Amino acid sequence: MIWANHPPHGVARISVESHAFHAMPVSIQQGDPVPYESTPGELLAVVHAMFMAWTLAERLTADGTPANELVVYAECSFQGPASSRQLVAIDLTVHGNVPGLDAQAFTDTAEQARRAICTPAAPATTSPATLTRC
C-alpha cells in the first residue's frame, strides 16, 4: 500500500505482488464511499467471500456433491470513527447450484463452512436461510 500526499489525506493505493490488477485507489472515508475507490470494508468482504466459497466448495466436493456454481455476497459492518473503527460483523449470503443436494443440506454445509472460516473475534450467528454472519 502506498499513501501519498500527506496521509491521512491525499491518495491511498493498493497493489498486489502477483500484478493481477493495477494499483487500486482506496478510500477510508466516513459516510458514502468515493466513486471508483475501494474501501477497507469492501476488501475485507471480498476476502471472506473468497474463503467462504473455497471452503464450501471443498466440503461439498468431499461429501460427493460438487457444486456447479457458488455465489457469495459479503458485507462488513463497522462502528466508530475511521481512526478507531471496529468490525462488528461480516454478513455472508450464499447461493449455490448443487445437483443432488436439498436446501437444508446446503444450509447445513454452508454453516459448517462459515464456522471453519470465522474467527472468534467476529460475532457469529446464523439465520434460518443461507445468510450467515461471522
C-alpha atoms as a PDB file:
ATOM      1  CA  MET A   1       0.000   0.000   0.000  1.00  0.00           C
ATOM      2  CA  ILE A   2       1.199   3.486  -0.860  1.00  0.00           C
ATOM      3  CA  TRP A   3      -0.346   6.533   0.788  1.00  0.00           C
ATOM      4  CA  ALA A   4       0.915   9.743  -0.823  1.00  0.00           C
ATOM      5  CA  ASN A   5       0.310  13.461  -0.314  1.00  0.00           C
ATOM      6  CA  HIS A   6       0.143  13.884   3.452  1.00  0.00           C
ATOM      7  CA  PRO A   7      -1.636  10.879   4.976  1.00  0.00           C
ATOM      8  CA  PRO A   8      -4.360  10.534   6.206  1.00  0.00           C
ATOM      9  CA  HIS A   9      -5.355  12.934   3.422  1.00  0.00           C
ATOM     10  CA  GLY A  10      -4.140  12.524  -0.117  1.00  0.00           C
ATOM     11  CA  VAL A  11      -4.357   9.345  -2.152  1.00  0.00           C
ATOM     12  CA  ALA A  12      -4.059   5.746  -0.955  1.00  0.00           C
ATOM     13  CA  ARG A  13      -3.469   2.937  -3.451  1.00  0.00           C
ATOM     14  CA  ILE A  14      -3.059  -0.801  -3.063  1.00  0.00           C
ATOM     15  CA  SER A  15      -1.438  -3.289  -5.391  1.00  0.00           C
ATOM     16  CA  VAL A  16      -0.594  -6.964  -5.203  1.00  0.00           C
ATOM     17  CA  GLU A  17       2.647  -8.801  -5.816  1.00  0.00           C
ATOM     18  CA  SER A  18       1.046 -11.039  -8.458  1.00  0.00           C
ATOM     19  CA  HIS A  19       0.187  -7.973 -10.583  1.00  0.00           C
ATOM     20  CA  ALA A  20      -3.304  -9.421 -11.046  1.00  0.00           C
ATOM     21  CA  PHE A  21      -4.621  -5.857 -11.146  1.00  0.00           C
ATOM     22  CA  HIS A  22      -3.209  -2.360 -11.435  1.00  0.00           C
ATOM     23  CA  ALA A  23      -2.854  -0.152  -8.385  1.00  0.00           C
ATOM     24  CA  MET A  24      -6.340   0.422  -6.983  1.00  0.00           C
ATOM     25  CA  PRO A  25      -7.363   3.627  -5.181  1.00  0.00           C
ATOM     26  CA  VAL A  26      -8.617   3.092  -1.636  1.00  0.00           C
ATOM     27  CA  SER A  27     -10.790   5.439   0.408  1.00  0.00           C
ATOM     28  CA  ILE A  28     -11.202   5.442   4.178  1.00  0.00           C
ATOM     29  CA  GLN A  29     -13.991   7.996   4.248  1.00  0.00           C
ATOM     30  CA  GLN A  30     -16.726   8.329   6.821  1.00  0.00           C
ATOM     31  CA  GLY A  31     -20.145   8.113   5.175  1.00  0.00           C
ATOM     32  CA  ASP A  32     -20.672   7.432   1.492  1.00  0.00           C
ATOM     33  CA  PRO A  33     -17.860   5.741  -0.442  1.00  0.00           C
ATOM     34  CA  VAL A  34     -15.939   7.742  -3.022  1.00  0.00           C
ATOM     35  CA  PRO A  35     -16.809   6.635  -6.597  1.00  0.00           C
ATOM     36  CA  TYR A  36     -14.209   4.331  -8.175  1.00  0.00           C
ATOM     37  CA  GLU A  37     -12.322   3.902  -4.894  1.00  0.00           C
ATOM     38  CA  SER A  38     -12.498   0.714  -2.890  1.00  0.00           C
ATOM     39  CA  THR A  39     -12.926   0.727   0.871  1.00  0.00           C
ATOM     40  CA  PRO A  40     -11.266  -1.467   3.519  1.00  0.00           C
ATOM     41  CA  GLY A  41     -14.696  -2.970   4.237  1.00  0.00           C
ATOM     42  CA  GLU A  42     -15.125  -3.999   0.599  1.00  0.00           C
ATOM     43  CA  LEU A  43     -11.663  -5.561   0.522  1.00  0.00           C
ATOM     44  CA  LEU A  44     -12.278  -7.454   3.762  1.00  0.00           C
ATOM     45  CA  ALA A  45     -15.668  -8.622   2.460  1.00  0.00           C
ATOM     46  CA  VAL A  46     -14.098  -9.926  -0.757  1.00  0.00           C
ATOM     47  CA  VAL A  47     -11.535 -11.939   1.202  1.00  0.00           C
ATOM     48  CA  HIS A  48     -14.236 -13.525   3.381  1.00  0.00           C
ATOM     49  CA  ALA A  49     -16.395 -14.282   0.336  1.00  0.00           C
ATOM     50  CA  MET A  50     -13.445 -15.973  -1.376  1.00  0.00           C
ATOM     51  CA  PHE A  51     -12.657 -18.132   1.663  1.00  0.00           C
ATOM     52  CA  MET A  52     -16.330 -18.994   2.143  1.00  0.00           C
ATOM     53  CA  ALA A  53     -16.699 -20.085  -1.491  1.00  0.00           C
ATOM     54  CA  TRP A  54     -13.464 -22.088  -1.374  1.00  0.00           C
ATOM     55  CA  THR A  55     -14.244 -23.804   1.936  1.00  0.00           C
ATOM     56  CA  LEU A  56     -17.833 -24.569   0.948  1.00  0.00           C
ATOM     57  CA  ALA A  57     -16.736 -25.941  -2.436  1.00  0.00           C
ATOM     58  CA  GLU A  58     -14.195 -28.234  -0.774  1.00  0.00           C
ATOM     59  CA  ARG A  59     -16.777 -29.526   1.719  1.00  0.00           C
ATOM     60  CA  LEU A  60     -19.387 -30.133  -0.980  1.00  0.00           C
ATOM     61  CA  THR A  61     -16.858 -31.986  -3.124  1.00  0.00           C
ATOM     62  CA  ALA A  62     -15.681 -34.090  -0.155  1.00  0.00           C
ATOM     63  CA  ASP A  63     -19.327 -35.011   0.529  1.00  0.00           C
ATOM     64  CA  GLY A  64     -19.740 -36.220  -3.076  1.00  0.00           C
ATOM     65  CA  THR A  65     -21.973 -33.319  -4.159  1.00  0.00           C
ATOM     66  CA  PRO A  66     -19.737 -30.868  -6.028  1.00  0.00           C
ATOM     67  CA  ALA A  67     -21.284 -27.515  -6.862  1.00  0.00           C
ATOM     68  CA  ASN A  68     -21.860 -26.325 -10.404  1.00  0.00           C
ATOM     69  CA  GLU A  69     -21.822 -22.738  -9.135  1.00  0.00           C
ATOM     70  CA  LEU A  70     -21.477 -20.855  -5.851  1.00  0.00           C
ATOM     71  CA  VAL A  71     -22.255 -17.164  -5.416  1.00  0.00           C
ATOM     72  CA  VAL A  72     -21.243 -15.475  -2.169  1.00  0.00           C
ATOM     73  CA  TYR A  73     -22.187 -11.917  -1.242  1.00  0.00           C
ATOM     74  CA  ALA A  74     -20.376 -10.372   1.712  1.00  0.00           C
ATOM     75  CA  GLU A  75     -20.854  -7.120   3.596  1.00  0.00           C
ATOM     76  CA  CYS A  76     -18.855  -5.774   6.541  1.00  0.00           C
ATOM     77  CA  SER A  77     -20.414  -3.725   9.326  1.00  0.00           C
ATOM     78  CA  PHE A  78     -18.264  -1.301  11.322  1.00  0.00           C
ATOM     79  CA  GLN A  79     -18.833   1.111  14.161  1.00  0.00           C
ATOM     80  CA  GLY A  80     -16.949   4.174  15.260  1.00  0.00           C
ATOM     81  CA  PRO A  81     -14.905   6.857  13.510  1.00  0.00           C
ATOM     82  CA  ALA A  82     -12.259   5.905  10.937  1.00  0.00           C
ATOM     83  CA  SER A  83      -9.414   6.405  13.419  1.00  0.00           C
ATOM     84  CA  SER A  84     -10.822   3.805  15.843  1.00  0.00           C
ATOM     85  CA  ARG A  85     -13.272   1.839  13.700  1.00  0.00           C
ATOM     86  CA  GLN A  86     -14.223  -1.632  14.916  1.00  0.00           C
ATOM     87  CA  LEU A  87     -15.507  -4.550  12.876  1.00  0.00           C
ATOM     88  CA  VAL A  88     -18.960  -5.532  14.152  1.00  0.00           C
ATOM     89  CA  ALA A  89     -19.920  -8.301  11.711  1.00  0.00           C
ATOM     90  CA  ILE A  90     -19.373  -9.811   8.298  1.00  0.00           C
ATOM     91  CA  ASP A  91     -22.632 -10.914   6.689  1.00  0.00           C
ATOM     92  CA  LEU A  92     -22.339 -13.688   4.121  1.00  0.00           C
ATOM     93  CA  THR A  93     -25.171 -14.670   1.800  1.00  0.00           C
ATOM     94  CA  VAL A  94     -24.529 -17.880  -0.120  1.00  0.00           C
ATOM     95  CA  HIS A  95     -26.381 -19.230  -3.148  1.00  0.00           C
ATOM     96  CA  GLY A  96     -25.444 -22.409  -4.934  1.00  0.00           C
ATOM     97  CA  ASN A  97     -26.322 -24.740  -7.765  1.00  0.00           C
ATOM     98  CA  VAL A  98     -25.544 -28.161  -6.292  1.00  0.00           C
ATOM     99  CA  PRO A  99     -27.119 -31.138  -8.080  1.00  0.00           C
ATOM    100  CA  GLY A 100     -28.400 -33.805  -5.701  1.00  0.00           C
ATOM    101  CA  LEU A 101     -28.410 -31.602  -2.594  1.00  0.00           C
ATOM    102  CA  ASP A 102     -31.566 -30.239  -0.964  1.00  0.00           C
ATOM    103  CA  ALA A 103     -31.836 -26.753   0.550  1.00  0.00           C
ATOM    104  CA  GLN A 104     -31.439 -27.901   4.173  1.00  0.00           C
ATOM    105  CA  ALA A 105     -28.316 -29.934   3.418  1.00  0.00           C
ATOM    106  CA  PHE A 106     -26.866 -26.933   1.547  1.00  0.00           C
ATOM    107  CA  THR A 107     -27.632 -24.642   4.504  1.00  0.00           C
ATOM    108  CA  ASP A 108     -26.047 -27.118   6.936  1.00  0.00           C
ATOM    109  CA  THR A 109     -22.899 -27.407   4.821  1.00  0.00           C
ATOM    110  CA  ALA A 110     -22.724 -23.617   4.416  1.00  0.00           C
ATOM    111  CA  GLU A 111     -22.956 -23.263   8.207  1.00  0.00           C
ATOM    112  CA  GLN A 112     -20.076 -25.723   8.652  1.00  0.00           C
ATOM    113  CA  ALA A 113     -18.002 -23.719   6.161  1.00  0.00           C
ATOM    114  CA  ARG A 114     -18.859 -20.470   7.954  1.00  0.00           C
ATOM    115  CA  ARG A 115     -17.714 -21.890  11.291  1.00  0.00           C
ATOM    116  CA  ALA A 116     -14.470 -23.021   9.648  1.00  0.00           C
ATOM    117  CA  ILE A 117     -13.574 -19.553   8.319  1.00  0.00           C
ATOM    118  CA  CYS A 118     -14.912 -17.208  11.003  1.00  0.00           C
ATOM    119  CA  THR A 119     -12.624 -16.127  13.782  1.00  0.00           C
ATOM    120  CA  PRO A 120     -13.741 -15.915  17.413  1.00  0.00           C
ATOM    121  CA  ALA A 121     -13.104 -12.145  17.282  1.00  0.00           C
ATOM    122  CA  ALA A 122     -16.021 -11.593  14.883  1.00  0.00           C
ATOM    123  CA  PRO A 123     -19.589 -12.171  16.138  1.00  0.00           C
ATOM    124  CA  ALA A 124     -21.078 -15.321  14.641  1.00  0.00           C
ATOM    125  CA  THR A 125     -24.791 -16.009  14.182  1.00  0.00           C
ATOM    126  CA  THR A 126     -26.835 -17.757  11.535  1.00  0.00           C
ATOM    127  CA  SER A 127     -30.327 -17.051  10.289  1.00  0.00           C
ATOM    128  CA  PRO A 128     -32.672 -19.815   9.082  1.00  0.00           C
ATOM    129  CA  ALA A 129     -31.862 -19.146   5.417  1.00  0.00           C
ATOM    130  CA  THR A 130     -28.459 -19.229   3.762  1.00  0.00           C
ATOM    131  CA  LEU A 131     -27.442 -15.924   5.337  1.00  0.00           C
ATOM    132  CA  THR A 132     -24.504 -16.461   7.638  1.00  0.00           C
ATOM    133  CA  ARG A 133     -22.677 -13.995   9.783  1.00  0.00           C
ATOM    134  CA  CYS A 134     -19.099 -14.103  11.030  1.00  0.00           C
END
